[in-house]
């Protein structure tokens, strides 16, 4: 079984479509764990109505206090019962064959940690034609200069990786911090270079996004990876070039 963990916060505009999308997967052996992070809208009520109608494999966990996406995912991980754990953000899109192809690839390669290619979409999730391709494998030092692992594409095999190591720290860019910790411990991330997801990008200030991204990656280098200023600058140069090319 695949346990699909979805953090939900003020996702009323997306959440029903997200659930429908999971239900349309060609791979049918899954459970969907939706963790409502004290939403201020009616996200939880929409999910509850869906479960009443046809949600035998869908669970809702309601948190009383907003703790952020990292803690919401950790709550979902702890509640999961499947061999495989996949992450999905409420506003992103999976292709119908995503689970089937990724599970088959992981069983074929023996991967404990897998991610795949994806495509950028606009605020309505319409594909833009810009596909982010991924390498066959990614090791720790390679990952430091290329934040290419998109959370909605990640899957773990809990028979091959310790559940505790995939819990996310409550820091900026908690997903990247998690991938680095896993890779640093000796695992390799296997890349499936098939476009199986769409990354929805709402219209925001590009300059603001860039400044925030720079601050987050510098924090990760210095406080999570524990790199010196010189090494941080070295990896930052590679990250900046790749991040720019990926979004052009």
Foldseek 3Di string as FASTA:
>chain_A
DEEEAEEDAQLVVFQVVLVVQQPLAPDDPYAYEYEYQCHPDCNVVVVVVVCVVDHPRYYYHYDNHHDDDLVSRVVSLVVDDDQKYAYAYRQKHFANHLVVVVVVVCVVVVAQKEFEKAFEAEQVLHGPPQIDFDDQKDAQVRCLQAVRGDRRGMMGRCVVDPSVLQRFDSDVVRVSLSVNSVRVVPHMYGYDYDHGMYDYDYDDDPVVVVVVVVVRSLCCCCPRVVHDPVVSVVSPVSNVVNVVVSVD
